[in-house]
Amino acid sequence: MKDVGFGMTVQDKNAPDLVPLYKISDEMGMEFATASLHNSFYFVEAKNIIHDRPMVAKNFENLVNELLRSNSPKKWFRAYFNHGLINYIYGQKRLLPCDMSFDECQIDRDRYRESLGLSESDIAILEVGELSTRKNHKVIIEALSKINDKHYVFLICGKAMSNSGTYDFLKKYAEEKNVRVIFLGFRKDIPEINRCADIAVLPSLREGLGLAGIEALASGVPVIGSDVQGIKDYVIDGKTGYLCSPRDADAFADKIQLLSDKEARFLMRKACVEKAEEFRLDISHQQMKNIYKNLLREQEKVK
């Protein structure tokens, strides 16, 4: 029988089988094709998600090493292809792109940015959150005025919680400081907007956790945040972004300029995604279960 081989669409549940299945196919002299779990227009599917990206990527890396050990140029090419799948898992461009697939973070970035009012040369600084004094949008406007470069655009997603006073103030303040600000209002496409951003900011005066920062990291976007409360749990200085005193506009300006370099952002991307993985819902559920179990054990000891 000819033209028969193995094919595997890799996801969380079957990733550990990747190399063993390759070895079986190799022993049988059959071809072995791979793909990463994805969404696609032709399957009309948009909910496929790899949850444990580091684990799946590691199994692809193991396969790449196995393929490179062979004497077959064809397998070397497949190693290159699978290396590209690792990039894809982390939200980066594949080495051999295929525009037939998409997921919640795979968009036509240039067209989406254009729809938001951004040009190709603009550096988009994104803050997601309600318009309030606590969210401290003012310090980013002040920081961008110090940089004084029209290529920087401050995108603000969110609306005023009580009245339009904060919006009116920020709009006027940006005009006075000659800073480009685009108010996007309340949005339901935050994952897509995150993919359009170059840098995320979270300059809150106080913040319990700041889910917006974690969502940015999940898209591979580094975060410049305030050195307060929960933000410090995921913004690791120099690895997933930078921390600043919430009222220090000079520090925010300095860090924004540091991350204006594409290479600097790219080098942080993997760490950003990996840090966001630590806050997955299933991990949070397990942590809460462990807390309750420990409390129950302590209660039993008291009895």
Protein backbone atom coordinates (compact mmCIF):
# COMPACT_ATOMS: atom_id res chain seq x y z
CA MET A 1 0.00 0.00 0.00
CA LYS A 2 1.39 3.39 -1.02
CA ASP A 3 0.91 6.97 0.13
CA VAL A 4 -0.18 6.03 3.63
CA GLY A 5 1.23 7.90 6.60
CA PHE A 6 0.55 9.27 10.05
CA GLY A 7 -0.90 12.71 10.72
CA MET A 8 -1.28 14.37 14.11
CA THR A 9 -3.00 17.59 15.18
CA VAL A 10 -1.22 18.37 18.44
CA GLN A 11 -3.01 19.72 21.51
CA ASP A 12 -2.74 19.50 25.31
CA LYS A 13 -4.10 15.95 25.61
CA ASN A 14 -1.96 14.25 22.96
CA ALA A 15 1.26 16.31 22.93
CA PRO A 16 3.23 13.69 24.96
CA ASP A 17 2.43 11.15 22.20
CA LEU A 18 4.12 13.27 19.53
CA VAL A 19 7.63 11.77 19.59
CA PRO A 20 6.50 8.16 20.30
CA LEU A 21 4.13 8.28 17.31
CA TYR A 22 6.87 9.74 15.12
CA LYS A 23 9.20 6.87 16.10
CA ILE A 24 6.52 4.29 15.23
CA SER A 25 5.96 5.86 11.82
CA ASP A 26 9.71 6.04 11.22
CA GLU A 27 10.15 2.36 12.06
CA MET A 28 7.34 1.50 9.62
CA GLY A 29 8.84 3.69 6.90
CA MET A 30 5.80 5.95 6.79
CA GLU A 31 5.52 9.71 6.47
CA PHE A 32 4.67 11.71 9.59
CA ALA A 33 2.80 15.02 9.29
CA THR A 34 2.00 17.43 12.11
CA ALA A 35 -0.25 20.40 12.79
CA SER A 36 -1.04 22.48 15.85
CA LEU A 37 -4.57 22.76 17.21
CA HIS A 38 -6.07 25.79 15.51
CA ASN A 39 -9.25 27.42 14.29
CA SER A 40 -10.22 27.88 10.68
CA PHE A 41 -12.75 29.43 8.40
CA TYR A 42 -13.36 26.17 6.57
CA PHE A 43 -14.10 24.29 9.80
CA VAL A 44 -16.19 27.27 11.00
CA GLU A 45 -14.45 26.93 14.36
CA ALA A 46 -13.13 29.65 16.65
CA LYS A 47 -12.89 28.03 20.09
CA ASN A 48 -9.89 25.74 19.78
CA ILE A 49 -7.27 26.77 22.34
CA ILE A 50 -4.02 25.24 23.53
CA HIS A 51 -3.97 25.83 27.27
CA ASP A 52 -0.53 24.56 28.34
CA ARG A 53 1.54 26.17 25.61
CA PRO A 54 4.97 25.61 27.22
CA MET A 55 4.29 21.86 27.54
CA VAL A 56 3.04 21.51 23.95
CA ALA A 57 5.93 23.61 22.63
CA LYS A 58 8.42 21.44 24.52
CA ASN A 59 7.07 18.30 22.82
CA PHE A 60 7.40 19.98 19.42
CA GLU A 61 10.98 20.88 20.36
CA ASN A 62 11.66 17.22 21.19
CA LEU A 63 10.30 16.23 17.77
CA VAL A 64 12.50 18.82 16.05
CA ASN A 65 15.56 17.30 17.75
CA GLU A 66 14.55 13.79 16.63
CA LEU A 67 14.08 14.95 13.03
CA LEU A 68 17.45 16.68 12.97
CA ARG A 69 19.18 13.47 14.05
CA SER A 70 18.20 11.79 10.77
CA ASN A 71 20.18 11.85 7.54
CA SER A 72 17.13 12.90 5.53
CA PRO A 73 16.98 16.46 4.09
CA LYS A 74 13.19 16.03 3.96
CA LYS A 75 13.11 15.47 7.71
CA TRP A 76 15.36 18.48 8.24
CA PHE A 77 12.79 20.53 6.35
CA ARG A 78 10.06 19.10 8.56
CA ALA A 79 12.10 20.10 11.60
CA TYR A 80 12.06 23.66 10.24
CA PHE A 81 8.29 23.43 9.77
CA ASN A 82 7.73 22.16 13.31
CA HIS A 83 9.97 24.88 14.70
CA GLY A 84 7.55 27.28 13.02
CA LEU A 85 4.67 25.62 14.86
CA ILE A 86 6.38 26.47 18.15
CA ASN A 87 6.34 30.13 17.07
CA TYR A 88 2.66 29.79 16.16
CA ILE A 89 1.76 28.34 19.57
CA TYR A 90 3.27 31.41 21.23
CA GLY A 91 1.32 33.78 19.00
CA GLN A 92 4.21 34.57 16.66
CA LYS A 93 4.34 34.27 12.91
CA ARG A 94 5.04 30.79 11.57
CA LEU A 95 8.15 30.36 9.44
CA LEU A 96 5.87 28.97 6.73
CA PRO A 97 2.64 30.94 7.26
CA CYS A 98 -0.78 29.65 6.25
CA ASP A 99 -3.55 32.26 6.08
CA MET A 100 -6.34 29.67 6.11
CA SER A 101 -6.26 29.34 9.90
CA PHE A 102 -7.02 31.73 12.71
CA ASP A 103 -7.76 31.85 16.40
CA GLU A 104 -8.84 34.56 18.81
CA CYS A 105 -5.40 36.11 18.57
CA GLN A 106 -4.66 35.44 14.89
CA ILE A 107 -5.86 38.44 12.88
CA ASP A 108 -4.83 40.55 9.94
CA ARG A 109 -2.92 42.89 12.22
CA ASP A 110 -2.27 45.63 9.67
CA ARG A 111 -5.93 45.88 8.66
CA TYR A 112 -7.13 45.71 12.25
CA ARG A 113 -4.71 48.46 13.28
CA GLU A 114 -5.93 50.55 10.38
CA SER A 115 -9.53 50.12 11.58
CA LEU A 116 -8.43 51.51 14.96
CA GLY A 117 -6.88 54.59 13.37
CA LEU A 118 -3.27 53.38 13.46
CA SER A 119 -0.69 53.53 10.70
CA GLU A 120 2.06 50.98 10.07
CA SER A 121 4.69 53.24 11.65
CA ASP A 122 2.68 54.08 14.78
CA ILE A 123 3.75 52.67 18.15
CA ALA A 124 0.53 51.75 19.94
CA ILE A 125 0.50 52.10 23.73
CA LEU A 126 -2.59 50.34 25.09
CA GLU A 127 -4.41 50.75 28.39
CA VAL A 128 -7.57 48.75 29.07
CA GLY A 129 -9.76 49.78 31.97
CA GLU A 130 -12.43 52.16 33.18
CA LEU A 131 -11.86 55.90 32.86
CA SER A 132 -11.17 56.85 36.45
CA THR A 133 -8.59 58.65 38.54
CA ARG A 134 -7.50 55.30 40.03
CA LYS A 135 -6.49 53.97 36.60
CA ASN A 136 -4.10 56.92 36.28
CA HIS A 137 -4.23 57.45 32.50
CA LYS A 138 -2.83 60.93 33.09
CA VAL A 139 0.69 59.73 33.84
CA ILE A 140 0.94 57.99 30.43
CA ILE A 141 -0.14 61.17 28.64
CA GLU A 142 2.49 63.05 30.61
CA ALA A 143 5.12 60.41 29.78
CA LEU A 144 4.34 60.55 26.05
CA SER A 145 4.53 64.35 26.12
CA LYS A 146 8.08 64.01 27.45
CA ILE A 147 9.00 61.64 24.60
CA ASN A 148 7.43 64.14 22.17
CA ASP A 149 7.17 61.85 19.16
CA LYS A 150 4.01 61.71 17.03
CA HIS A 151 4.60 58.05 16.20
CA TYR A 152 3.36 57.17 19.69
CA VAL A 153 -0.39 56.70 20.02
CA PHE A 154 -2.15 56.12 23.33
CA LEU A 155 -5.10 53.73 22.88
CA ILE A 156 -7.61 53.75 25.73
CA CYS A 157 -10.27 51.03 25.97
CA GLY A 158 -12.91 51.71 28.59
CA LYS A 159 -15.61 54.14 29.56
CA ALA A 160 -16.28 56.44 32.49
CA MET A 161 -18.00 54.58 35.32
CA SER A 162 -20.14 57.47 36.61
CA ASN A 163 -19.89 60.59 34.44
CA SER A 164 -17.94 61.99 31.51
CA GLY A 165 -15.70 64.18 33.68
CA THR A 166 -12.66 61.91 33.42
CA TYR A 167 -13.03 61.60 29.63
CA ASP A 168 -13.32 65.36 29.20
CA PHE A 169 -10.28 65.94 31.41
CA LEU A 170 -8.10 63.36 29.61
CA LYS A 171 -9.13 64.63 26.19
CA LYS A 172 -8.28 68.22 27.12
CA TYR A 173 -5.05 67.21 28.88
CA ALA A 174 -3.87 65.23 25.82
CA GLU A 175 -4.57 68.21 23.58
CA GLU A 176 -2.61 70.49 25.89
CA LYS A 177 0.31 68.06 25.98
CA ASN A 178 0.15 67.49 22.20
CA VAL A 179 -0.25 63.71 22.65
CA ARG A 180 -2.22 61.51 20.27
CA VAL A 181 -4.92 59.65 22.17
CA ILE A 182 -7.60 57.41 20.65
CA PHE A 183 -10.56 56.72 22.93
CA LEU A 184 -12.02 53.38 21.86
CA GLY A 185 -14.71 53.21 24.52
CA PHE A 186 -16.11 49.92 25.80
CA ARG A 187 -14.94 47.06 23.57
CA LYS A 188 -15.64 43.35 23.24
CA ASP A 189 -12.64 42.66 21.00
CA ILE A 190 -9.86 43.11 23.57
CA PRO A 191 -7.86 40.03 22.42
CA GLU A 192 -7.74 41.45 18.89
CA ILE A 193 -6.83 44.94 20.14
CA ASN A 194 -4.07 43.43 22.29
CA ARG A 195 -2.61 41.91 19.14
CA CYS A 196 -2.59 45.38 17.58
CA ALA A 197 -0.74 46.92 20.52
CA ASP A 198 3.02 47.25 20.74
CA ILE A 199 3.16 47.98 24.48
CA ALA A 200 0.54 47.63 27.22
CA VAL A 201 0.46 49.94 30.22
CA LEU A 202 -1.18 49.54 33.61
CA PRO A 203 -0.29 52.66 35.63
CA SER A 204 -2.99 52.19 38.29
CA LEU A 205 -2.58 53.93 41.64
CA ARG A 206 -3.88 50.73 43.24
CA GLU A 207 -4.85 47.41 41.68
CA GLY A 208 -5.97 44.12 43.21
CA LEU A 209 -4.71 42.07 40.25
CA GLY A 210 -5.30 43.80 36.94
CA LEU A 211 -6.66 41.20 34.55
CA ALA A 212 -6.03 43.55 31.63
CA GLY A 213 -2.29 43.16 32.18
CA ILE A 214 -2.49 39.37 32.15
CA GLU A 215 -4.57 39.45 28.95
CA ALA A 216 -1.90 41.60 27.30
CA LEU A 217 0.84 39.17 28.35
CA ALA A 218 -1.21 36.28 26.93
CA SER A 219 -0.98 38.00 23.56
CA GLY A 220 2.78 38.33 23.93
CA VAL A 221 2.63 42.06 24.65
CA PRO A 222 4.97 43.33 27.40
CA VAL A 223 3.41 45.43 30.16
CA ILE A 224 4.73 48.56 31.82
CA GLY A 225 2.89 48.71 35.12
CA SER A 226 2.78 50.39 38.48
CA ASP A 227 4.84 48.86 41.26
CA VAL A 228 1.72 48.14 43.33
CA GLN A 229 -0.23 45.14 44.65
CA GLY A 230 -1.17 42.41 42.16
CA ILE A 231 0.59 43.94 39.16
CA LYS A 232 3.91 42.87 40.68
CA ASP A 233 2.75 39.23 40.48
CA TYR A 234 3.10 39.10 36.70
CA VAL A 235 5.11 42.13 35.55
CA ILE A 236 8.63 40.85 36.12
CA ASP A 237 11.03 43.73 35.65
CA GLY A 238 13.09 43.24 32.51
CA LYS A 239 11.41 39.93 31.60
CA THR A 240 7.70 40.52 30.98
CA GLY A 241 7.84 44.31 31.10
CA TYR A 242 8.84 46.95 33.58
CA LEU A 243 7.61 48.36 36.88
CA CYS A 244 7.45 52.07 37.70
CA SER A 245 6.26 54.22 40.55
CA PRO A 246 2.68 55.11 39.54
CA ARG A 247 3.29 58.87 39.61
CA ASP A 248 6.72 58.84 37.94
CA ALA A 249 6.10 60.03 34.38
CA ASP A 250 9.85 60.11 33.64
CA ALA A 251 10.17 56.41 34.51
CA PHE A 252 7.20 55.49 32.32
CA ALA A 253 8.67 57.53 29.47
CA ASP A 254 12.02 55.76 29.85
CA LYS A 255 10.48 52.27 29.82
CA ILE A 256 8.20 53.07 26.89
CA GLN A 257 11.25 54.12 24.90
CA LEU A 258 13.08 50.94 25.88
CA LEU A 259 10.21 48.82 24.56
CA SER A 260 9.89 50.88 21.40
CA ASP A 261 12.59 48.61 20.00
CA LYS A 262 10.94 45.69 18.18
CA GLU A 263 13.76 43.32 19.06
CA ALA A 264 13.40 44.12 22.78
CA ARG A 265 9.67 43.33 22.63
CA PHE A 266 10.26 40.14 20.66
CA LEU A 267 12.77 38.85 23.20
CA MET A 268 10.17 39.28 25.95
CA ARG A 269 7.33 37.65 24.07
CA LYS A 270 7.81 34.05 25.15
CA ALA A 271 8.24 35.02 28.81
CA CYS A 272 5.07 37.12 28.61
CA VAL A 273 3.00 34.21 27.34
CA GLU A 274 4.48 31.78 29.86
CA LYS A 275 3.77 34.12 32.77
CA ALA A 276 0.14 34.54 31.64
CA GLU A 277 -0.22 30.74 31.57
CA GLU A 278 0.28 30.72 35.35
CA PHE A 279 -3.06 32.50 35.71
CA ARG A 280 -5.12 30.03 33.69
CA LEU A 281 -8.58 29.31 35.08
CA ASP A 282 -7.89 25.63 35.72
CA ILE A 283 -4.77 26.49 37.73
CA SER A 284 -6.71 29.06 39.77
CA HIS A 285 -9.44 26.49 40.45
CA GLN A 286 -6.89 23.95 41.64
CA GLN A 287 -5.23 26.50 43.91
CA MET A 288 -8.59 27.36 45.48
CA LYS A 289 -9.35 23.65 45.97
CA ASN A 290 -6.01 23.19 47.72
CA ILE A 291 -6.73 26.12 50.03
CA TYR A 292 -10.12 24.72 51.00
CA LYS A 293 -8.70 21.22 51.48
CA ASN A 294 -6.01 22.58 53.80
CA LEU A 295 -8.60 24.54 55.78
CA LEU A 296 -10.76 21.43 56.16
CA ARG A 297 -7.76 19.40 57.32
CA GLU A 298 -6.93 22.02 59.95
CA GLN A 299 -10.58 22.02 61.07
CA GLU A 300 -10.52 18.24 61.45
CA LYS A 301 -7.39 18.49 63.61
CA VAL A 302 -9.16 20.92 65.94
CA LYS A 303 -12.06 18.47 66.36
